[in-house]
């Protein structure tokens, strides 16, 4: 990559980073391109040249946030702690991510976009499912998960949960469903 391309990539990354921070603090609708340009130390024209619209920039910010969440989850799954500890930390990361993405960032509108849907589908297939398979296998080997239940059945259960979350629902309902998914009807303290 030559110097021009490196500077271009750096500028785009600075814009996305600034957008993520501002969107997280204030929400997508409230933040203006002018605010993002000022924070990223670029012109508004540069933002439009790179991303064409605030909506496209919001998608790129969403993709970056998803990548950051995935890096945290990958590091957690690859760590040398027990399945139960990984699972508890994964629940925390997932619930906090859901709160931030829905509450602060208002990304629920983006989830309707075909580009975002395709991204999430590919992301699930290429990154999330292999990661979950590793976690499931560890859970079975440590005796924390029922060895009688096939990994395929567990993935179908997870997929049905994910499909349910694609519907338009409140942040509270989404968080409650996350708790039901991870802890069942009896709750966290009884698992």
N, C-alpha and C. Protein backbone atom coordinates (compact mmCIF):
# COMPACT_ATOMS: atom_id res chain seq x y z
N UNK A 1 0.85 -1.17 0.00
CA UNK A 1 0.00 0.00 0.00
C UNK A 1 0.90 1.24 0.00
N UNK A 2 0.64 2.16 -0.92
CA UNK A 2 1.47 3.36 -0.99
C UNK A 2 1.03 4.38 0.05
N UNK A 3 1.78 5.48 0.16
CA UNK A 3 1.51 6.51 1.16
C UNK A 3 0.13 7.12 1.03
N UNK A 4 -0.31 7.37 -0.20
CA UNK A 4 -1.63 7.96 -0.42
C UNK A 4 -2.73 7.03 0.10
N UNK A 5 -2.61 5.74 -0.22
CA UNK A 5 -3.62 4.78 0.24
C UNK A 5 -3.63 4.65 1.76
N UNK A 6 -2.43 4.68 2.37
CA UNK A 6 -2.36 4.60 3.84
C UNK A 6 -3.04 5.81 4.48
N UNK A 7 -2.78 7.00 3.95
CA UNK A 7 -3.40 8.21 4.49
C UNK A 7 -4.92 8.16 4.31
N UNK A 8 -5.35 7.67 3.16
CA UNK A 8 -6.79 7.56 2.88
C UNK A 8 -7.44 6.60 3.87
N UNK A 9 -6.83 5.43 4.07
CA UNK A 9 -7.36 4.45 5.02
C UNK A 9 -7.39 5.00 6.45
N UNK A 10 -6.33 5.71 6.81
CA UNK A 10 -6.25 6.32 8.15
C UNK A 10 -7.36 7.34 8.33
N UNK A 11 -7.59 8.17 7.32
CA UNK A 11 -8.63 9.19 7.39
C UNK A 11 -10.00 8.53 7.52
N UNK A 12 -10.25 7.49 6.74
CA UNK A 12 -11.53 6.79 6.83
C UNK A 12 -11.72 6.17 8.22
N UNK A 13 -10.66 5.57 8.74
CA UNK A 13 -10.74 4.97 10.07
C UNK A 13 -10.98 6.03 11.14
N UNK A 14 -10.33 7.18 11.01
CA UNK A 14 -10.54 8.28 11.96
C UNK A 14 -12.00 8.74 11.94
N UNK A 15 -12.58 8.80 10.76
CA UNK A 15 -13.98 9.22 10.61
C UNK A 15 -14.90 8.19 11.27
N UNK A 16 -14.67 6.92 10.99
CA UNK A 16 -15.51 5.86 11.57
C UNK A 16 -15.38 5.85 13.09
N UNK A 17 -14.16 5.99 13.59
CA UNK A 17 -13.94 6.02 15.04
C UNK A 17 -14.66 7.19 15.68
N UNK A 18 -14.54 8.38 15.06
CA UNK A 18 -15.24 9.56 15.59
C UNK A 18 -16.75 9.34 15.57
N UNK A 19 -17.26 8.76 14.48
CA UNK A 19 -18.69 8.50 14.37
C UNK A 19 -19.15 7.53 15.46
N UNK A 20 -18.39 6.47 15.68
CA UNK A 20 -18.73 5.49 16.72
C UNK A 20 -18.84 6.18 18.08
N UNK A 21 -17.86 7.00 18.41
CA UNK A 21 -17.86 7.68 19.70
C UNK A 21 -19.04 8.62 19.84
N UNK A 22 -19.29 9.41 18.81
CA UNK A 22 -20.39 10.37 18.87
C UNK A 22 -21.75 9.68 18.85
N UNK A 23 -21.90 8.66 18.00
CA UNK A 23 -23.15 7.92 17.97
C UNK A 23 -23.42 7.25 19.31
N UNK A 24 -22.37 6.69 19.93
CA UNK A 24 -22.52 6.03 21.23
C UNK A 24 -22.97 7.01 22.30
N UNK A 25 -22.44 8.21 22.25
CA UNK A 25 -22.76 9.22 23.27
C UNK A 25 -24.12 9.85 23.06
N UNK A 26 -24.51 10.06 21.80
CA UNK A 26 -25.69 10.89 21.51
C UNK A 26 -26.76 10.23 20.65
N UNK A 27 -26.45 9.13 20.00
CA UNK A 27 -27.40 8.51 19.08
C UNK A 27 -27.17 8.99 17.66
N UNK A 28 -27.53 8.16 16.70
CA UNK A 28 -27.26 8.45 15.29
C UNK A 28 -28.01 9.68 14.81
N UNK A 29 -29.27 9.77 15.14
CA UNK A 29 -30.10 10.86 14.61
C UNK A 29 -29.64 12.23 15.06
N UNK A 30 -29.13 12.33 16.27
CA UNK A 30 -28.75 13.63 16.84
C UNK A 30 -27.43 14.15 16.29
N UNK A 31 -26.51 13.25 15.99
CA UNK A 31 -25.16 13.64 15.57
C UNK A 31 -25.18 14.13 14.12
N UNK A 32 -24.50 15.25 13.88
CA UNK A 32 -24.43 15.80 12.52
C UNK A 32 -23.10 15.42 11.87
N UNK A 33 -23.08 15.51 10.57
CA UNK A 33 -21.84 15.28 9.81
C UNK A 33 -20.79 16.32 10.23
N UNK A 34 -21.22 17.52 10.50
CA UNK A 34 -20.29 18.58 10.93
C UNK A 34 -19.60 18.19 12.23
N UNK A 35 -20.33 17.62 13.18
CA UNK A 35 -19.73 17.19 14.45
C UNK A 35 -18.72 16.07 14.22
N UNK A 36 -19.07 15.13 13.36
CA UNK A 36 -18.16 14.02 13.06
C UNK A 36 -16.90 14.55 12.39
N UNK A 37 -17.06 15.45 11.43
CA UNK A 37 -15.91 16.04 10.72
C UNK A 37 -14.99 16.75 11.70
N UNK A 38 -15.56 17.52 12.61
CA UNK A 38 -14.75 18.25 13.59
C UNK A 38 -13.98 17.28 14.48
N UNK A 39 -14.65 16.24 14.97
CA UNK A 39 -14.00 15.28 15.87
C UNK A 39 -12.91 14.49 15.13
N UNK A 40 -13.15 14.18 13.86
CA UNK A 40 -12.17 13.40 13.08
C UNK A 40 -11.10 14.28 12.46
N UNK A 41 -11.28 15.60 12.58
CA UNK A 41 -10.33 16.56 12.01
C UNK A 41 -10.23 16.42 10.49
N UNK A 42 -11.41 16.34 9.86
CA UNK A 42 -11.51 16.27 8.39
C UNK A 42 -12.62 17.21 7.94
N UNK A 43 -12.72 17.41 6.65
CA UNK A 43 -13.81 18.24 6.13
C UNK A 43 -15.07 17.39 5.97
N UNK A 44 -16.21 18.06 5.97
CA UNK A 44 -17.47 17.36 5.73
C UNK A 44 -17.47 16.74 4.34
N UNK A 45 -16.83 17.42 3.40
CA UNK A 45 -16.75 16.91 2.03
C UNK A 45 -16.04 15.56 2.01
N UNK A 46 -14.99 15.42 2.81
CA UNK A 46 -14.27 14.14 2.88
C UNK A 46 -15.20 13.02 3.33
N UNK A 47 -16.03 13.31 4.30
CA UNK A 47 -16.97 12.29 4.79
C UNK A 47 -17.91 11.87 3.67
N UNK A 48 -18.46 12.85 2.97
CA UNK A 48 -19.37 12.52 1.86
C UNK A 48 -18.64 11.82 0.72
N UNK A 49 -17.38 12.18 0.48
CA UNK A 49 -16.61 11.50 -0.57
C UNK A 49 -16.37 10.03 -0.22
N UNK A 50 -16.08 9.78 1.03
CA UNK A 50 -15.80 8.40 1.46
C UNK A 50 -17.07 7.57 1.65
N UNK A 51 -18.12 8.17 2.23
CA UNK A 51 -19.27 7.39 2.67
C UNK A 51 -20.59 7.76 1.99
N UNK A 52 -20.64 8.85 1.28
CA UNK A 52 -21.81 9.34 0.53
C UNK A 52 -22.94 9.87 1.41
N UNK A 53 -23.17 9.26 2.58
CA UNK A 53 -24.27 9.71 3.44
C UNK A 53 -23.99 9.33 4.89
N UNK A 54 -24.73 9.95 5.78
CA UNK A 54 -24.61 9.62 7.20
C UNK A 54 -25.08 8.19 7.44
N UNK A 55 -26.07 7.73 6.68
CA UNK A 55 -26.57 6.36 6.84
C UNK A 55 -25.49 5.34 6.50
N UNK A 56 -24.75 5.59 5.41
CA UNK A 56 -23.66 4.68 5.05
C UNK A 56 -22.55 4.70 6.10
N UNK A 57 -22.27 5.87 6.63
CA UNK A 57 -21.27 5.98 7.70
C UNK A 57 -21.75 5.23 8.94
N UNK A 58 -23.04 5.34 9.25
CA UNK A 58 -23.59 4.63 10.41
C UNK A 58 -23.44 3.12 10.23
N UNK A 59 -23.64 2.63 9.02
CA UNK A 59 -23.45 1.19 8.76
C UNK A 59 -22.01 0.79 9.01
N UNK A 60 -21.08 1.60 8.52
CA UNK A 60 -19.66 1.28 8.71
C UNK A 60 -19.30 1.33 10.20
N UNK A 61 -19.89 2.27 10.93
CA UNK A 61 -19.66 2.35 12.37
C UNK A 61 -20.20 1.09 13.04
N UNK A 62 -21.38 0.64 12.62
CA UNK A 62 -21.97 -0.58 13.16
C UNK A 62 -21.06 -1.78 12.89
N UNK A 63 -20.54 -1.89 11.67
CA UNK A 63 -19.65 -2.99 11.33
C UNK A 63 -18.39 -2.97 12.21
N UNK A 64 -17.87 -1.78 12.45
CA UNK A 64 -16.67 -1.65 13.29
C UNK A 64 -16.97 -2.08 14.72
N UNK A 65 -18.12 -1.66 15.24
CA UNK A 65 -18.50 -2.05 16.59
C UNK A 65 -18.67 -3.56 16.68
N UNK A 66 -19.30 -4.15 15.67
CA UNK A 66 -19.46 -5.61 15.67
C UNK A 66 -18.10 -6.30 15.66
N UNK A 67 -17.16 -5.78 14.89
CA UNK A 67 -15.82 -6.36 14.86
C UNK A 67 -15.14 -6.25 16.23
N UNK A 68 -15.32 -5.12 16.91
CA UNK A 68 -14.72 -4.95 18.24
C UNK A 68 -15.34 -5.92 19.24
N UNK A 69 -16.66 -6.08 19.18
CA UNK A 69 -17.33 -7.04 20.06
C UNK A 69 -16.81 -8.46 19.78
N UNK A 70 -16.68 -8.78 18.48
CA UNK A 70 -16.21 -10.12 18.11
C UNK A 70 -14.78 -10.35 18.59
N UNK A 71 -13.92 -9.34 18.52
CA UNK A 71 -12.55 -9.50 19.03
C UNK A 71 -12.56 -9.82 20.52
N UNK A 72 -13.43 -9.15 21.27
CA UNK A 72 -13.55 -9.43 22.70
C UNK A 72 -14.02 -10.86 22.94
N UNK A 73 -15.02 -11.27 22.16
CA UNK A 73 -15.55 -12.63 22.32
C UNK A 73 -14.52 -13.69 21.91
N UNK A 74 -13.79 -13.44 20.82
CA UNK A 74 -12.75 -14.39 20.40
C UNK A 74 -11.68 -14.54 21.47
N UNK A 75 -11.24 -13.42 22.03
CA UNK A 75 -10.22 -13.48 23.09
C UNK A 75 -10.75 -14.24 24.30
N UNK A 76 -12.01 -14.02 24.62
CA UNK A 76 -12.62 -14.72 25.74
C UNK A 76 -12.68 -16.22 25.48
N UNK A 77 -13.17 -16.62 24.32
CA UNK A 77 -13.32 -18.04 24.01
C UNK A 77 -11.96 -18.74 23.95
N UNK A 78 -10.93 -18.05 23.48
CA UNK A 78 -9.60 -18.64 23.38
C UNK A 78 -8.83 -18.62 24.71
N UNK A 79 -9.37 -17.95 25.71
CA UNK A 79 -8.68 -17.87 27.00
C UNK A 79 -8.71 -19.23 27.71
N UNK A 80 -7.93 -19.35 28.76
CA UNK A 80 -7.79 -20.62 29.48
C UNK A 80 -8.68 -20.72 30.71
N UNK A 81 -9.79 -20.02 30.72
CA UNK A 81 -10.69 -20.10 31.86
C UNK A 81 -11.78 -21.15 31.59
N UNK A 82 -12.52 -21.48 32.62
CA UNK A 82 -13.54 -22.54 32.51
C UNK A 82 -14.69 -22.10 31.61
N UNK A 83 -15.44 -23.11 31.17
CA UNK A 83 -16.63 -22.85 30.35
C UNK A 83 -17.60 -21.92 31.09
N UNK A 84 -17.85 -22.24 32.35
CA UNK A 84 -18.81 -21.46 33.13
C UNK A 84 -18.38 -19.99 33.22
N UNK A 85 -17.09 -19.74 33.46
CA UNK A 85 -16.60 -18.35 33.52
C UNK A 85 -16.73 -17.67 32.16
N UNK A 86 -16.38 -18.40 31.10
CA UNK A 86 -16.52 -17.84 29.75
C UNK A 86 -17.97 -17.50 29.46
N UNK A 87 -18.84 -18.43 29.83
CA UNK A 87 -20.26 -18.25 29.55
C UNK A 87 -20.80 -17.02 30.28
N UNK A 88 -20.44 -16.87 31.55
CA UNK A 88 -20.90 -15.71 32.32
C UNK A 88 -20.38 -14.41 31.72
N UNK A 89 -19.11 -14.41 31.34
CA UNK A 89 -18.54 -13.19 30.73
C UNK A 89 -19.17 -12.92 29.36
N UNK A 90 -19.46 -13.98 28.62
CA UNK A 90 -20.10 -13.82 27.32
C UNK A 90 -21.50 -13.25 27.47
N UNK A 91 -22.22 -13.69 28.48
CA UNK A 91 -23.55 -13.14 28.76
C UNK A 91 -23.43 -11.64 29.03
N UNK A 92 -22.47 -11.29 29.85
CA UNK A 92 -22.29 -9.87 30.18
C UNK A 92 -21.96 -9.05 28.93
N UNK A 93 -21.02 -9.52 28.12
CA UNK A 93 -20.65 -8.81 26.89
C UNK A 93 -21.87 -8.69 25.97
N UNK A 94 -22.61 -9.77 25.81
CA UNK A 94 -23.77 -9.77 24.90
C UNK A 94 -24.86 -8.82 25.37
N UNK A 95 -25.17 -8.86 26.66
CA UNK A 95 -26.22 -7.99 27.18
C UNK A 95 -25.81 -6.52 27.13
N UNK A 96 -24.56 -6.23 27.47
CA UNK A 96 -24.08 -4.84 27.40
C UNK A 96 -24.07 -4.35 25.95
N UNK A 97 -23.67 -5.21 25.04
CA UNK A 97 -23.66 -4.83 23.63
C UNK A 97 -25.07 -4.54 23.14
N UNK A 98 -26.02 -5.38 23.55
CA UNK A 98 -27.41 -5.17 23.14
C UNK A 98 -27.92 -3.84 23.69
N UNK A 99 -27.60 -3.54 24.94
CA UNK A 99 -28.02 -2.26 25.53
C UNK A 99 -27.45 -1.09 24.74
N UNK A 100 -26.15 -1.15 24.47
CA UNK A 100 -25.49 -0.05 23.77
C UNK A 100 -25.95 0.10 22.34
N UNK A 101 -26.06 -1.01 21.63
CA UNK A 101 -26.46 -0.93 20.22
C UNK A 101 -27.89 -0.46 20.07
N UNK A 102 -28.76 -0.90 20.94
CA UNK A 102 -30.16 -0.49 20.84
C UNK A 102 -30.42 0.83 21.54
N UNK A 103 -29.93 0.94 22.77
CA UNK A 103 -30.24 2.12 23.57
C UNK A 103 -29.54 3.37 23.10
N UNK A 104 -28.23 3.38 23.18
CA UNK A 104 -27.48 4.58 22.86
C UNK A 104 -27.40 4.84 21.37
N UNK A 105 -27.23 3.80 20.61
CA UNK A 105 -26.92 3.99 19.19
C UNK A 105 -28.14 3.94 18.28
N UNK A 106 -29.21 3.35 18.72
CA UNK A 106 -30.43 3.23 17.91
C UNK A 106 -30.14 2.57 16.56
N UNK A 107 -29.46 1.45 16.60
CA UNK A 107 -29.12 0.74 15.36
C UNK A 107 -30.26 -0.15 14.86
N UNK A 108 -31.36 -0.22 15.59
CA UNK A 108 -32.43 -1.11 15.18
C UNK A 108 -32.94 -0.80 13.77
N UNK A 109 -32.93 0.46 13.38
CA UNK A 109 -33.34 0.82 12.01
C UNK A 109 -32.36 0.26 10.98
N UNK A 110 -31.08 0.24 11.33
CA UNK A 110 -30.07 -0.29 10.40
C UNK A 110 -30.27 -1.78 10.14
N UNK A 111 -30.80 -2.49 11.13
CA UNK A 111 -30.96 -3.94 10.99
C UNK A 111 -31.92 -4.31 9.86
N UNK A 112 -32.74 -3.36 9.44
CA UNK A 112 -33.67 -3.60 8.34
C UNK A 112 -33.00 -3.48 6.98
N UNK A 113 -31.84 -2.87 6.94
CA UNK A 113 -31.12 -2.64 5.69
C UNK A 113 -30.58 -3.97 5.13
N UNK A 114 -30.81 -4.24 3.84
CA UNK A 114 -30.33 -5.51 3.24
C UNK A 114 -28.82 -5.71 3.34
N UNK A 115 -28.05 -4.63 3.25
CA UNK A 115 -26.59 -4.74 3.37
C UNK A 115 -26.21 -5.20 4.77
N UNK A 116 -26.86 -4.65 5.77
CA UNK A 116 -26.58 -5.02 7.15
C UNK A 116 -27.03 -6.46 7.41
N UNK A 117 -28.19 -6.82 6.88
CA UNK A 117 -28.68 -8.19 7.04
C UNK A 117 -27.70 -9.20 6.42
N UNK A 118 -27.20 -8.88 5.24
CA UNK A 118 -26.24 -9.77 4.58
C UNK A 118 -24.95 -9.86 5.40
N UNK A 119 -24.48 -8.71 5.90
CA UNK A 119 -23.29 -8.68 6.74
C UNK A 119 -23.48 -9.59 7.95
N UNK A 120 -24.61 -9.46 8.63
CA UNK A 120 -24.86 -10.25 9.83
C UNK A 120 -24.97 -11.74 9.52
N UNK A 121 -25.58 -12.06 8.39
CA UNK A 121 -25.69 -13.46 7.98
C UNK A 121 -24.30 -14.07 7.74
N UNK A 122 -23.47 -13.36 6.98
CA UNK A 122 -22.12 -13.85 6.71
C UNK A 122 -21.27 -13.88 7.98
N UNK A 123 -21.45 -12.88 8.81
CA UNK A 123 -20.72 -12.79 10.07
C UNK A 123 -21.06 -13.99 10.96
N UNK A 124 -22.34 -14.29 11.03
CA UNK A 124 -22.77 -15.44 11.82
C UNK A 124 -22.18 -16.73 11.31
N UNK A 125 -22.25 -16.91 9.99
CA UNK A 125 -21.75 -18.15 9.39
C UNK A 125 -20.23 -18.29 9.52
N UNK A 126 -19.51 -17.22 9.27
CA UNK A 126 -18.04 -17.28 9.22
C UNK A 126 -17.35 -17.07 10.56
N UNK A 127 -17.98 -16.34 11.48
CA UNK A 127 -17.30 -16.02 12.73
C UNK A 127 -18.04 -16.53 13.96
N UNK A 128 -19.32 -16.20 14.06
CA UNK A 128 -20.05 -16.52 15.28
C UNK A 128 -20.23 -18.02 15.48
N UNK A 129 -20.68 -18.72 14.45
CA UNK A 129 -20.95 -20.16 14.60
C UNK A 129 -19.67 -20.94 14.94
N UNK A 130 -18.55 -20.73 14.24
CA UNK A 130 -17.34 -21.46 14.64
C UNK A 130 -16.91 -21.16 16.09
N UNK A 131 -17.09 -19.91 16.51
CA UNK A 131 -16.75 -19.54 17.88
C UNK A 131 -17.66 -20.25 18.88
N UNK A 132 -18.93 -20.27 18.57
CA UNK A 132 -19.88 -20.96 19.44
C UNK A 132 -19.62 -22.46 19.50
N UNK A 133 -19.23 -23.04 18.37
CA UNK A 133 -18.93 -24.47 18.35
C UNK A 133 -17.77 -24.79 19.30
N UNK A 134 -16.76 -23.93 19.30
CA UNK A 134 -15.64 -24.13 20.23
C UNK A 134 -16.12 -24.07 21.68
N UNK A 135 -16.97 -23.10 21.97
CA UNK A 135 -17.49 -22.96 23.33
C UNK A 135 -18.37 -24.15 23.71
N UNK A 136 -19.23 -24.58 22.80
CA UNK A 136 -20.10 -25.73 23.05
C UNK A 136 -19.27 -26.98 23.34
N UNK A 137 -18.23 -27.20 22.55
CA UNK A 137 -17.39 -28.38 22.76
C UNK A 137 -16.70 -28.32 24.12
N UNK A 138 -16.24 -27.14 24.52
CA UNK A 138 -15.62 -27.01 25.84
C UNK A 138 -16.66 -27.30 26.93
N UNK A 139 -17.86 -26.76 26.76
CA UNK A 139 -18.92 -26.99 27.75
C UNK A 139 -19.26 -28.46 27.90
N UNK A 140 -19.29 -29.17 26.78
CA UNK A 140 -19.56 -30.61 26.83
C UNK A 140 -18.41 -31.35 27.48
N UNK A 141 -17.18 -30.99 27.14
CA UNK A 141 -16.03 -31.71 27.69
C UNK A 141 -15.87 -31.48 29.19
N UNK A 142 -16.32 -30.32 29.68
CA UNK A 142 -16.24 -30.04 31.12
C UNK A 142 -17.48 -30.53 31.87
N UNK A 143 -18.45 -31.11 31.13
CA UNK A 143 -19.64 -31.64 31.76
C UNK A 143 -20.67 -30.57 32.14
N UNK A 144 -20.52 -29.38 31.60
CA UNK A 144 -21.47 -28.30 31.90
C UNK A 144 -22.67 -28.31 30.97
N UNK A 145 -22.50 -28.86 29.79
CA UNK A 145 -23.59 -28.97 28.83
C UNK A 145 -23.93 -30.43 28.64
N UNK A 146 -25.17 -30.68 28.41
CA UNK A 146 -25.67 -32.04 28.20
C UNK A 146 -25.06 -32.62 26.93
N UNK A 147 -24.28 -33.67 27.09
CA UNK A 147 -23.62 -34.31 25.94
C UNK A 147 -24.61 -34.99 25.01
N UNK A 148 -25.82 -35.24 25.52
CA UNK A 148 -26.86 -35.90 24.73
C UNK A 148 -27.46 -34.95 23.68
N UNK A 149 -27.37 -33.67 23.92
CA UNK A 149 -27.92 -32.68 22.98
C UNK A 149 -26.87 -32.41 21.91
N UNK A 150 -27.25 -32.60 20.67
CA UNK A 150 -26.28 -32.40 19.59
C UNK A 150 -25.92 -30.92 19.44
N UNK A 151 -24.71 -30.68 18.96
CA UNK A 151 -24.28 -29.31 18.70
C UNK A 151 -25.19 -28.67 17.67
N UNK A 152 -25.67 -29.46 16.71
CA UNK A 152 -26.59 -28.94 15.70
C UNK A 152 -27.87 -28.42 16.35
N UNK A 153 -28.41 -29.16 17.31
CA UNK A 153 -29.63 -28.73 18.01
C UNK A 153 -29.38 -27.45 18.79
N UNK A 154 -28.24 -27.35 19.41
CA UNK A 154 -27.89 -26.14 20.15
C UNK A 154 -27.81 -24.95 19.20
N UNK A 155 -27.21 -25.16 18.03
CA UNK A 155 -27.11 -24.07 17.06
C UNK A 155 -28.48 -23.67 16.51
N UNK A 156 -29.37 -24.63 16.32
CA UNK A 156 -30.73 -24.30 15.88
C UNK A 156 -31.42 -23.45 16.94
N UNK A 157 -31.25 -23.81 18.19
CA UNK A 157 -31.81 -23.04 19.30
C UNK A 157 -31.26 -21.62 19.29
N UNK A 158 -29.96 -21.50 19.14
CA UNK A 158 -29.33 -20.18 19.09
C UNK A 158 -29.84 -19.39 17.90
N UNK A 159 -29.95 -20.04 16.74
CA UNK A 159 -30.42 -19.35 15.54
C UNK A 159 -31.86 -18.88 15.70
N UNK A 160 -32.71 -19.70 16.33
CA UNK A 160 -34.10 -19.27 16.52
C UNK A 160 -34.17 -18.07 17.45
N UNK A 161 -33.29 -18.04 18.42
CA UNK A 161 -33.20 -16.88 19.32
C UNK A 161 -32.78 -15.64 18.52
N UNK A 162 -31.77 -15.78 17.69
CA UNK A 162 -31.29 -14.66 16.88
C UNK A 162 -32.37 -14.16 15.92
N UNK A 163 -33.12 -15.06 15.32
CA UNK A 163 -34.21 -14.67 14.42
C UNK A 163 -35.26 -13.87 15.17
N UNK A 164 -35.55 -14.29 16.37
CA UNK A 164 -36.54 -13.59 17.18
C UNK A 164 -36.08 -12.16 17.46
N UNK A 165 -34.79 -11.96 17.68
CA UNK A 165 -34.27 -10.63 18.00
C UNK A 165 -34.29 -9.68 16.80
N UNK A 166 -34.47 -10.20 15.60
CA UNK A 166 -34.52 -9.33 14.42
C UNK A 166 -35.81 -8.54 14.34
N UNK A 167 -36.83 -8.98 15.09
CA UNK A 167 -38.09 -8.24 15.07
C UNK A 167 -37.93 -6.94 15.85
N UNK A 168 -38.83 -6.02 15.59
CA UNK A 168 -38.78 -4.71 16.24
C UNK A 168 -39.33 -4.84 17.65
N UNK A 169 -38.47 -4.69 18.65
CA UNK A 169 -38.89 -4.80 20.03
C UNK A 169 -38.11 -3.81 20.88
N UNK A 170 -38.62 -3.55 22.05
CA UNK A 170 -37.97 -2.60 22.94
C UNK A 170 -36.64 -3.17 23.44
N UNK A 171 -35.79 -2.27 23.90
CA UNK A 171 -34.51 -2.68 24.47
C UNK A 171 -34.74 -3.57 25.69
N UNK A 172 -35.69 -3.23 26.52
CA UNK A 172 -36.00 -4.03 27.72
C UNK A 172 -36.39 -5.46 27.33
N UNK A 173 -37.26 -5.60 26.32
CA UNK A 173 -37.67 -6.93 25.88
C UNK A 173 -36.48 -7.70 25.34
N UNK A 174 -35.62 -7.05 24.57
CA UNK A 174 -34.43 -7.69 24.01
C UNK A 174 -33.52 -8.20 25.13
N UNK A 175 -33.32 -7.38 26.15
CA UNK A 175 -32.47 -7.77 27.29
C UNK A 175 -33.11 -8.92 28.06
N UNK A 176 -34.44 -8.83 28.28
CA UNK A 176 -35.15 -9.91 28.97
C UNK A 176 -35.01 -11.22 28.21
N UNK A 177 -35.15 -11.17 26.89
CA UNK A 177 -35.01 -12.40 26.09
C UNK A 177 -33.59 -12.94 26.17
N UNK A 178 -32.61 -12.03 26.23
CA UNK A 178 -31.22 -12.47 26.41
C UNK A 178 -31.04 -13.21 27.72
N UNK A 179 -31.65 -12.70 28.78
CA UNK A 179 -31.56 -13.38 30.07
C UNK A 179 -32.25 -14.74 30.03
N UNK A 180 -33.43 -14.79 29.39
CA UNK A 180 -34.12 -16.08 29.24
C UNK A 180 -33.28 -17.06 28.46
N UNK A 181 -32.65 -16.58 27.40
CA UNK A 181 -31.81 -17.45 26.57
C UNK A 181 -30.67 -18.04 27.39
N UNK A 182 -29.98 -17.19 28.14
CA UNK A 182 -28.79 -17.65 28.86
C UNK A 182 -29.09 -18.36 30.17
N UNK A 183 -30.16 -17.95 30.86
CA UNK A 183 -30.40 -18.49 32.19
C UNK A 183 -31.69 -19.29 32.33
N UNK A 184 -32.55 -19.26 31.32
CA UNK A 184 -33.82 -19.98 31.39
C UNK A 184 -34.83 -19.24 32.27
N UNK A 185 -35.95 -19.89 32.51
CA UNK A 185 -37.03 -19.27 33.28
C UNK A 185 -36.69 -19.09 34.75
N UNK A 186 -35.75 -19.86 35.27
CA UNK A 186 -35.46 -19.82 36.69
C UNK A 186 -34.48 -18.72 37.07
N UNK A 187 -33.86 -18.09 36.10
CA UNK A 187 -33.01 -16.93 36.37
C UNK A 187 -31.57 -17.26 36.65
N UNK A 188 -30.79 -16.19 36.67
CA UNK A 188 -29.33 -16.28 36.82
C UNK A 188 -28.91 -16.93 38.12
N UNK A 189 -29.56 -16.63 39.22
CA UNK A 189 -29.14 -17.12 40.53
C UNK A 189 -29.44 -18.59 40.76
N UNK A 190 -30.27 -19.18 39.91
CA UNK A 190 -30.64 -20.58 40.07
C UNK A 190 -29.97 -21.50 39.06
N UNK A 191 -29.06 -20.95 38.22
CA UNK A 191 -28.45 -21.79 37.19
C UNK A 191 -27.28 -22.59 37.72
